[in-house]
């Protein structure tokens, strides 16, 4: 029975993370706030910043310069109870990816650890001539919805 409970919790947590990103994309700040525990924290490891409560998490997202789009790439429940998400964020010509680890207390998010990266051209030394089995690929031009079957 415990495995069923864990599986139910994992499914609910995965749905909550999909909902979080959908509300971020919709700029539904009240909806985002309802998903967060009051003392929730958000850590951006790439810039050494931490937002220390739910209101600060909502505020930093709400005041971010407008023009960005979020696409969920993947959301997976981990064996330790955390949920890992990967999202692509496009802002003008810039592309970024965020790997986020969510912790929960019941149905509410208590902690988010985010690791951001920017899409940049590789350095000149990293090429097919130097490496052999290597290629550059063209990313998809649009923000397509998540694959069918995901919330």
N, C-alpha and C. Protein backbone atom coordinates (compact mmCIF):
# COMPACT_ATOMS: atom_id res chain seq x y z
N UNK A 1 0.81 -1.20 0.00
CA UNK A 1 0.00 0.00 0.00
C UNK A 1 0.86 1.27 0.00
N UNK A 2 2.01 1.22 0.68
CA UNK A 2 2.89 2.39 0.73
C UNK A 2 3.37 2.77 -0.67
N UNK A 3 3.62 1.75 -1.52
CA UNK A 3 4.06 2.05 -2.88
C UNK A 3 2.98 2.77 -3.66
N UNK A 4 1.70 2.38 -3.44
CA UNK A 4 0.60 3.08 -4.10
C UNK A 4 0.53 4.53 -3.65
N UNK A 5 0.73 4.75 -2.33
CA UNK A 5 0.71 6.12 -1.82
C UNK A 5 1.84 6.94 -2.44
N UNK A 6 3.04 6.37 -2.52
CA UNK A 6 4.17 7.08 -3.12
C UNK A 6 3.91 7.36 -4.59
N UNK A 7 3.35 6.38 -5.29
CA UNK A 7 3.05 6.57 -6.71
C UNK A 7 2.01 7.67 -6.89
N UNK A 8 0.99 7.69 -6.02
CA UNK A 8 -0.03 8.75 -6.10
C UNK A 8 0.58 10.11 -5.81
N UNK A 9 1.45 10.16 -4.79
CA UNK A 9 2.12 11.42 -4.45
C UNK A 9 3.00 11.88 -5.61
N UNK A 10 3.75 10.95 -6.21
CA UNK A 10 4.62 11.29 -7.34
C UNK A 10 3.81 11.87 -8.49
N UNK A 11 2.68 11.21 -8.82
CA UNK A 11 1.84 11.71 -9.92
C UNK A 11 1.31 13.11 -9.60
N UNK A 12 0.86 13.30 -8.36
CA UNK A 12 0.33 14.61 -7.97
C UNK A 12 1.42 15.68 -8.03
N UNK A 13 2.62 15.33 -7.61
CA UNK A 13 3.73 16.28 -7.62
C UNK A 13 4.12 16.63 -9.06
N UNK A 14 4.14 15.66 -9.94
CA UNK A 14 4.45 15.92 -11.35
C UNK A 14 3.40 16.86 -11.96
N UNK A 15 2.13 16.59 -11.66
CA UNK A 15 1.06 17.47 -12.15
C UNK A 15 1.23 18.88 -11.58
N UNK A 16 1.59 18.98 -10.29
CA UNK A 16 1.79 20.29 -9.67
C UNK A 16 2.91 21.07 -10.36
N UNK A 17 3.99 20.39 -10.75
CA UNK A 17 5.10 21.08 -11.43
C UNK A 17 4.66 21.53 -12.82
N UNK A 18 3.94 20.68 -13.54
CA UNK A 18 3.40 21.11 -14.85
C UNK A 18 2.50 22.34 -14.66
N UNK A 19 1.67 22.31 -13.62
CA UNK A 19 0.78 23.43 -13.33
C UNK A 19 1.57 24.69 -12.99
N UNK A 20 2.62 24.54 -12.20
CA UNK A 20 3.50 25.67 -11.86
C UNK A 20 4.00 26.35 -13.12
N UNK A 21 4.57 25.56 -14.05
CA UNK A 21 5.13 26.16 -15.26
C UNK A 21 4.04 26.75 -16.16
N UNK A 22 2.88 26.11 -16.21
CA UNK A 22 1.78 26.66 -17.01
C UNK A 22 1.34 28.02 -16.45
N UNK A 23 1.29 28.13 -15.13
CA UNK A 23 0.90 29.40 -14.51
C UNK A 23 1.99 30.45 -14.68
N UNK A 24 3.25 30.04 -14.63
CA UNK A 24 4.34 30.99 -14.91
C UNK A 24 4.19 31.53 -16.33
N UNK A 25 3.99 30.65 -17.29
CA UNK A 25 3.85 31.06 -18.69
C UNK A 25 2.64 31.98 -18.87
N UNK A 26 1.55 31.71 -18.16
CA UNK A 26 0.32 32.51 -18.26
C UNK A 26 0.39 33.81 -17.46
N UNK A 27 1.49 33.98 -16.70
CA UNK A 27 1.63 35.14 -15.81
C UNK A 27 0.49 35.17 -14.79
N UNK A 28 0.06 33.99 -14.36
CA UNK A 28 -1.00 33.83 -13.35
C UNK A 28 -0.32 33.81 -11.98
N UNK A 29 0.05 35.00 -11.50
CA UNK A 29 0.86 35.09 -10.29
C UNK A 29 0.10 34.64 -9.04
N UNK A 30 -1.19 34.90 -8.97
CA UNK A 30 -1.99 34.41 -7.83
C UNK A 30 -2.04 32.88 -7.85
N UNK A 31 -2.14 32.31 -9.05
CA UNK A 31 -2.15 30.85 -9.17
C UNK A 31 -0.82 30.23 -8.79
N UNK A 32 0.28 30.88 -9.17
CA UNK A 32 1.61 30.40 -8.77
C UNK A 32 1.71 30.44 -7.25
N UNK A 33 1.28 31.54 -6.65
CA UNK A 33 1.40 31.71 -5.19
C UNK A 33 0.66 30.61 -4.44
N UNK A 34 -0.51 30.19 -4.96
CA UNK A 34 -1.29 29.14 -4.29
C UNK A 34 -0.57 27.79 -4.27
N UNK A 35 0.36 27.58 -5.19
CA UNK A 35 1.12 26.32 -5.23
C UNK A 35 2.27 26.29 -4.23
N UNK A 36 2.64 27.45 -3.69
CA UNK A 36 3.83 27.57 -2.85
C UNK A 36 3.47 27.63 -1.36
N UNK A 37 4.25 26.92 -0.55
CA UNK A 37 4.16 27.08 0.89
C UNK A 37 4.65 28.49 1.23
N UNK A 38 4.15 29.07 2.30
CA UNK A 38 4.53 30.43 2.67
C UNK A 38 6.04 30.60 2.77
N UNK A 39 6.72 29.63 3.36
CA UNK A 39 8.18 29.72 3.58
C UNK A 39 8.98 29.07 2.46
N UNK A 40 8.37 28.87 1.30
CA UNK A 40 9.08 28.26 0.18
C UNK A 40 10.30 29.10 -0.20
N UNK A 41 11.34 28.43 -0.67
CA UNK A 41 12.53 29.13 -1.14
C UNK A 41 12.82 28.74 -2.58
N UNK A 42 13.47 29.65 -3.30
CA UNK A 42 13.92 29.43 -4.67
C UNK A 42 15.39 29.83 -4.71
N UNK A 43 16.25 28.91 -5.15
CA UNK A 43 17.67 29.20 -5.27
C UNK A 43 18.06 29.13 -6.74
N UNK A 44 18.67 30.21 -7.22
CA UNK A 44 19.25 30.25 -8.55
C UNK A 44 20.76 30.05 -8.37
N UNK A 45 21.21 28.84 -8.57
CA UNK A 45 22.61 28.50 -8.30
C UNK A 45 23.59 29.18 -9.25
N UNK A 46 23.18 29.43 -10.49
CA UNK A 46 24.09 30.03 -11.47
C UNK A 46 24.45 31.47 -11.10
N UNK A 47 23.59 32.15 -10.35
CA UNK A 47 23.87 33.55 -9.98
C UNK A 47 23.99 33.73 -8.46
N UNK A 48 23.98 32.62 -7.72
CA UNK A 48 24.13 32.68 -6.26
C UNK A 48 23.08 33.56 -5.60
N UNK A 49 21.81 33.38 -6.00
CA UNK A 49 20.71 34.14 -5.43
C UNK A 49 19.70 33.19 -4.78
N UNK A 50 19.10 33.66 -3.68
CA UNK A 50 18.05 32.87 -3.02
C UNK A 50 16.90 33.81 -2.67
N UNK A 51 15.70 33.38 -3.00
CA UNK A 51 14.47 34.11 -2.70
C UNK A 51 13.81 33.38 -1.54
N UNK A 52 13.54 34.11 -0.45
CA UNK A 52 13.35 33.50 0.86
C UNK A 52 11.92 33.25 1.29
N UNK A 53 10.95 33.56 0.46
CA UNK A 53 9.57 33.18 0.77
C UNK A 53 8.75 33.16 -0.51
N UNK A 54 7.53 32.69 -0.38
CA UNK A 54 6.67 32.51 -1.56
C UNK A 54 6.42 33.84 -2.28
N UNK A 55 6.20 34.90 -1.50
CA UNK A 55 5.93 36.19 -2.14
C UNK A 55 7.12 36.68 -2.94
N UNK A 56 8.33 36.45 -2.44
CA UNK A 56 9.53 36.85 -3.19
C UNK A 56 9.68 36.04 -4.47
N UNK A 57 9.33 34.76 -4.41
CA UNK A 57 9.40 33.90 -5.61
C UNK A 57 8.46 34.43 -6.68
N UNK A 58 7.25 34.76 -6.29
CA UNK A 58 6.28 35.31 -7.24
C UNK A 58 6.77 36.65 -7.77
N UNK A 59 7.25 37.51 -6.87
CA UNK A 59 7.67 38.85 -7.26
C UNK A 59 8.81 38.83 -8.28
N UNK A 60 9.84 38.00 -8.03
CA UNK A 60 10.99 38.00 -8.95
C UNK A 60 10.56 37.53 -10.35
N UNK A 61 9.62 36.62 -10.41
CA UNK A 61 9.12 36.18 -11.71
C UNK A 61 8.24 37.24 -12.35
N UNK A 62 7.41 37.90 -11.55
CA UNK A 62 6.49 38.91 -12.08
C UNK A 62 7.22 40.14 -12.62
N UNK A 63 8.34 40.51 -12.00
CA UNK A 63 9.04 41.72 -12.44
C UNK A 63 10.12 41.45 -13.49
N UNK A 64 10.32 40.17 -13.83
CA UNK A 64 11.30 39.85 -14.87
C UNK A 64 10.88 40.53 -16.16
N UNK A 65 11.80 41.13 -16.90
CA UNK A 65 11.42 41.84 -18.13
C UNK A 65 10.59 40.96 -19.07
N UNK A 66 9.50 41.53 -19.54
CA UNK A 66 8.52 40.79 -20.34
C UNK A 66 9.09 40.40 -21.70
N UNK A 67 8.46 39.41 -22.31
CA UNK A 67 8.82 38.97 -23.65
C UNK A 67 9.26 37.53 -23.70
N UNK A 68 9.27 36.82 -22.59
CA UNK A 68 9.76 35.45 -22.54
C UNK A 68 8.62 34.45 -22.71
N UNK A 69 9.00 33.26 -23.17
CA UNK A 69 8.08 32.12 -23.31
C UNK A 69 8.72 30.91 -22.66
N UNK A 70 7.90 30.10 -22.00
CA UNK A 70 8.37 28.90 -21.33
C UNK A 70 7.78 27.68 -22.03
N UNK A 71 8.61 26.69 -22.27
CA UNK A 71 8.15 25.39 -22.80
C UNK A 71 8.69 24.30 -21.90
N UNK A 72 7.80 23.48 -21.39
CA UNK A 72 8.22 22.34 -20.57
C UNK A 72 8.80 21.27 -21.48
N UNK A 73 10.02 20.86 -21.20
CA UNK A 73 10.68 19.79 -21.95
C UNK A 73 10.40 18.45 -21.29
N UNK A 74 10.51 18.39 -19.96
CA UNK A 74 10.32 17.12 -19.25
C UNK A 74 10.06 17.39 -17.77
N UNK A 75 9.28 16.53 -17.15
CA UNK A 75 9.05 16.56 -15.71
C UNK A 75 9.03 15.11 -15.23
N UNK A 76 9.87 14.82 -14.22
CA UNK A 76 10.03 13.44 -13.74
C UNK A 76 10.09 13.44 -12.21
N UNK A 77 9.35 12.53 -11.60
CA UNK A 77 9.45 12.33 -10.15
C UNK A 77 10.71 11.52 -9.87
N UNK A 78 11.47 11.94 -8.87
CA UNK A 78 12.69 11.24 -8.46
C UNK A 78 12.37 10.31 -7.29
N UNK A 79 13.23 9.34 -7.09
CA UNK A 79 13.02 8.35 -6.03
C UNK A 79 13.05 8.97 -4.63
N UNK A 80 13.67 10.14 -4.48
CA UNK A 80 13.79 10.77 -3.16
C UNK A 80 12.65 11.73 -2.84
N UNK A 81 11.62 11.75 -3.69
CA UNK A 81 10.46 12.60 -3.45
C UNK A 81 10.51 13.94 -4.16
N UNK A 82 11.67 14.32 -4.67
CA UNK A 82 11.75 15.57 -5.43
C UNK A 82 11.22 15.34 -6.84
N UNK A 83 10.90 16.43 -7.51
CA UNK A 83 10.48 16.38 -8.91
C UNK A 83 11.46 17.23 -9.70
N UNK A 84 11.98 16.67 -10.79
CA UNK A 84 12.94 17.35 -11.66
C UNK A 84 12.21 17.81 -12.91
N UNK A 85 12.37 19.08 -13.24
CA UNK A 85 11.81 19.58 -14.50
C UNK A 85 12.92 20.23 -15.32
N UNK A 86 12.74 20.15 -16.62
CA UNK A 86 13.58 20.88 -17.56
C UNK A 86 12.64 21.75 -18.38
N UNK A 87 12.93 23.04 -18.41
CA UNK A 87 12.14 23.94 -19.25
C UNK A 87 13.08 24.73 -20.15
N UNK A 88 12.57 25.06 -21.31
CA UNK A 88 13.27 25.96 -22.22
C UNK A 88 12.59 27.32 -22.11
N UNK A 89 13.39 28.35 -22.00
CA UNK A 89 12.88 29.72 -21.95
C UNK A 89 13.49 30.49 -23.10
N UNK A 90 12.63 31.05 -23.92
CA UNK A 90 13.08 31.91 -25.01
C UNK A 90 12.69 33.34 -24.67
N UNK A 91 13.65 34.22 -24.87
CA UNK A 91 13.43 35.64 -24.59
C UNK A 91 14.10 36.41 -25.71
N UNK A 92 13.32 36.88 -26.67
CA UNK A 92 13.90 37.49 -27.87
C UNK A 92 14.67 36.42 -28.62
N UNK A 93 15.92 36.72 -28.98
CA UNK A 93 16.76 35.76 -29.69
C UNK A 93 17.49 34.81 -28.74
N UNK A 94 17.39 35.04 -27.44
CA UNK A 94 18.11 34.22 -26.46
C UNK A 94 17.31 32.96 -26.10
N UNK A 95 18.05 31.89 -25.89
CA UNK A 95 17.46 30.62 -25.43
C UNK A 95 18.18 30.21 -24.16
N UNK A 96 17.39 29.76 -23.18
CA UNK A 96 17.93 29.30 -21.91
C UNK A 96 17.23 28.01 -21.54
N UNK A 97 17.89 27.23 -20.69
CA UNK A 97 17.29 26.04 -20.12
C UNK A 97 17.42 26.12 -18.61
N UNK A 98 16.38 25.68 -17.92
CA UNK A 98 16.42 25.61 -16.47
C UNK A 98 16.16 24.17 -16.06
N UNK A 99 17.07 23.62 -15.29
CA UNK A 99 16.87 22.35 -14.60
C UNK A 99 16.44 22.71 -13.20
N UNK A 100 15.26 22.28 -12.80
CA UNK A 100 14.71 22.66 -11.50
C UNK A 100 14.37 21.41 -10.70
N UNK A 101 14.71 21.45 -9.42
CA UNK A 101 14.36 20.39 -8.48
C UNK A 101 13.38 20.95 -7.46
N UNK A 102 12.19 20.38 -7.41
CA UNK A 102 11.12 20.83 -6.53
C UNK A 102 10.99 19.88 -5.35
N UNK A 103 10.84 20.44 -4.15
CA UNK A 103 10.51 19.67 -2.94
C UNK A 103 9.11 20.08 -2.50
N UNK A 104 8.40 19.14 -1.90
CA UNK A 104 7.01 19.36 -1.50
C UNK A 104 6.80 19.02 -0.04
N UNK A 105 5.82 19.69 0.56
CA UNK A 105 5.24 19.28 1.83
C UNK A 105 3.76 19.13 1.52
N UNK A 106 3.33 17.89 1.38
CA UNK A 106 1.97 17.66 0.91
C UNK A 106 1.85 18.12 -0.53
N UNK A 107 0.88 18.98 -0.79
CA UNK A 107 0.63 19.44 -2.16
C UNK A 107 1.34 20.75 -2.49
N UNK A 108 2.03 21.35 -1.52
CA UNK A 108 2.63 22.67 -1.76
C UNK A 108 4.14 22.57 -1.90
N UNK A 109 4.67 23.39 -2.79
CA UNK A 109 6.10 23.45 -3.05
C UNK A 109 6.78 24.17 -1.88
N UNK A 110 7.84 23.54 -1.35
CA UNK A 110 8.59 24.16 -0.25
C UNK A 110 9.97 24.65 -0.67
N UNK A 111 10.50 24.08 -1.73
CA UNK A 111 11.86 24.46 -2.16
C UNK A 111 12.01 24.20 -3.65
N UNK A 112 12.66 25.14 -4.33
CA UNK A 112 13.01 24.96 -5.74
C UNK A 112 14.49 25.32 -5.87
N UNK A 113 15.27 24.40 -6.41
CA UNK A 113 16.67 24.65 -6.74
C UNK A 113 16.76 24.66 -8.25
N UNK A 114 17.19 25.81 -8.81
CA UNK A 114 17.26 25.94 -10.27
C UNK A 114 18.69 26.14 -10.73
N UNK A 115 19.00 25.47 -11.84
CA UNK A 115 20.30 25.56 -12.49
C UNK A 115 20.04 26.01 -13.92
N UNK A 116 20.40 27.26 -14.23
CA UNK A 116 20.13 27.86 -15.52
C UNK A 116 21.34 27.76 -16.43
N UNK A 117 21.07 27.61 -17.71
CA UNK A 117 22.14 27.67 -18.71
C UNK A 117 21.64 28.46 -19.91
N UNK A 118 22.56 29.05 -20.62
CA UNK A 118 22.25 29.79 -21.83
C UNK A 118 22.74 28.99 -23.03
N UNK A 119 22.03 29.12 -24.12
CA UNK A 119 22.45 28.46 -25.36
C UNK A 119 23.41 29.39 -26.07
N UNK A 120 24.64 28.92 -26.22
CA UNK A 120 25.69 29.70 -26.86
C UNK A 120 26.37 28.85 -27.92
N UNK A 121 27.02 29.50 -28.86
CA UNK A 121 27.81 28.77 -29.85
C UNK A 121 28.99 28.08 -29.14
N UNK A 122 29.37 26.90 -29.60
CA UNK A 122 30.52 26.23 -28.98
C UNK A 122 31.82 26.97 -29.32
N UNK A 123 32.83 26.75 -28.54
CA UNK A 123 34.12 27.38 -28.84
C UNK A 123 34.71 26.81 -30.13
N UNK A 124 35.57 27.56 -30.80
CA UNK A 124 36.12 27.13 -32.09
C UNK A 124 36.86 25.79 -32.04
N UNK A 125 37.48 25.44 -30.92
CA UNK A 125 38.24 24.19 -30.84
C UNK A 125 37.35 22.95 -30.84
N UNK A 126 36.06 23.13 -30.55
CA UNK A 126 35.15 21.99 -30.49
C UNK A 126 34.45 21.88 -31.84
N UNK A 127 35.00 21.02 -32.71
CA UNK A 127 34.48 20.89 -34.07
C UNK A 127 34.72 19.47 -34.58
N UNK A 128 34.10 19.15 -35.69
CA UNK A 128 34.19 17.79 -36.25
C UNK A 128 35.61 17.42 -36.62
N UNK A 129 36.37 18.36 -37.10
CA UNK A 129 37.76 18.06 -37.49
C UNK A 129 38.57 17.61 -36.27
N UNK A 130 38.39 18.26 -35.14
CA UNK A 130 39.16 17.93 -33.94
C UNK A 130 38.61 16.71 -33.21
N UNK A 131 37.30 16.46 -33.31
CA UNK A 131 36.67 15.43 -32.49
C UNK A 131 36.33 14.18 -33.28
N UNK A 132 35.93 14.34 -34.51
CA UNK A 132 35.50 13.18 -35.30
C UNK A 132 33.99 13.08 -35.31
N UNK A 133 33.45 12.19 -34.52
CA UNK A 133 32.00 11.96 -34.48
C UNK A 133 31.32 13.11 -33.75
N UNK A 134 30.99 14.14 -34.50
CA UNK A 134 30.48 15.38 -33.93
C UNK A 134 29.63 16.07 -34.97
N UNK A 135 28.54 16.70 -34.51
CA UNK A 135 27.75 17.53 -35.41
C UNK A 135 27.06 18.62 -34.63
N UNK A 136 26.76 19.71 -35.29
CA UNK A 136 25.90 20.76 -34.75
C UNK A 136 24.51 20.50 -35.28
N UNK A 137 23.49 20.81 -34.50
CA UNK A 137 22.12 20.63 -34.96
C UNK A 137 21.36 21.94 -34.83
N UNK A 138 20.28 22.02 -35.57
CA UNK A 138 19.44 23.21 -35.57
C UNK A 138 18.29 22.95 -34.60
N UNK A 139 18.10 23.84 -33.61
CA UNK A 139 16.99 23.64 -32.67
C UNK A 139 15.66 23.90 -33.34
N UNK A 140 14.59 23.39 -32.75
CA UNK A 140 13.27 23.67 -33.33
C UNK A 140 12.99 25.16 -33.31
N UNK A 141 12.31 25.69 -34.34
CA UNK A 141 12.11 27.13 -34.45
C UNK A 141 11.03 27.69 -33.53
N UNK A 142 10.15 26.84 -33.01
CA UNK A 142 9.04 27.36 -32.22
C UNK A 142 8.98 26.68 -30.85
N UNK A 143 8.09 27.17 -30.04
CA UNK A 143 7.85 26.56 -28.74
C UNK A 143 6.67 25.61 -28.87
N UNK A 144 6.94 24.38 -29.28
CA UNK A 144 5.89 23.41 -29.44
C UNK A 144 5.40 22.95 -28.07
N UNK A 145 4.15 22.53 -27.98
CA UNK A 145 3.66 22.04 -26.70
C UNK A 145 4.37 20.76 -26.30
N UNK A 146 4.26 20.41 -25.03
CA UNK A 146 4.84 19.17 -24.52
C UNK A 146 4.23 17.97 -25.26
N UNK A 147 4.96 16.85 -25.32
CA UNK A 147 4.44 15.67 -26.00
C UNK A 147 3.08 15.26 -25.44
N UNK A 148 2.26 14.62 -26.27
CA UNK A 148 0.95 14.14 -25.86
C UNK A 148 1.09 13.20 -24.67
N UNK A 149 0.08 13.20 -23.82
CA UNK A 149 0.09 12.31 -22.66
C UNK A 149 0.59 12.98 -21.40
N UNK A 150 1.16 14.19 -21.51
CA UNK A 150 1.60 14.91 -20.33
C UNK A 150 0.53 15.92 -19.95
N UNK A 151 0.43 16.21 -18.65
CA UNK A 151 -0.59 17.19 -18.24
C UNK A 151 -0.34 18.56 -18.85
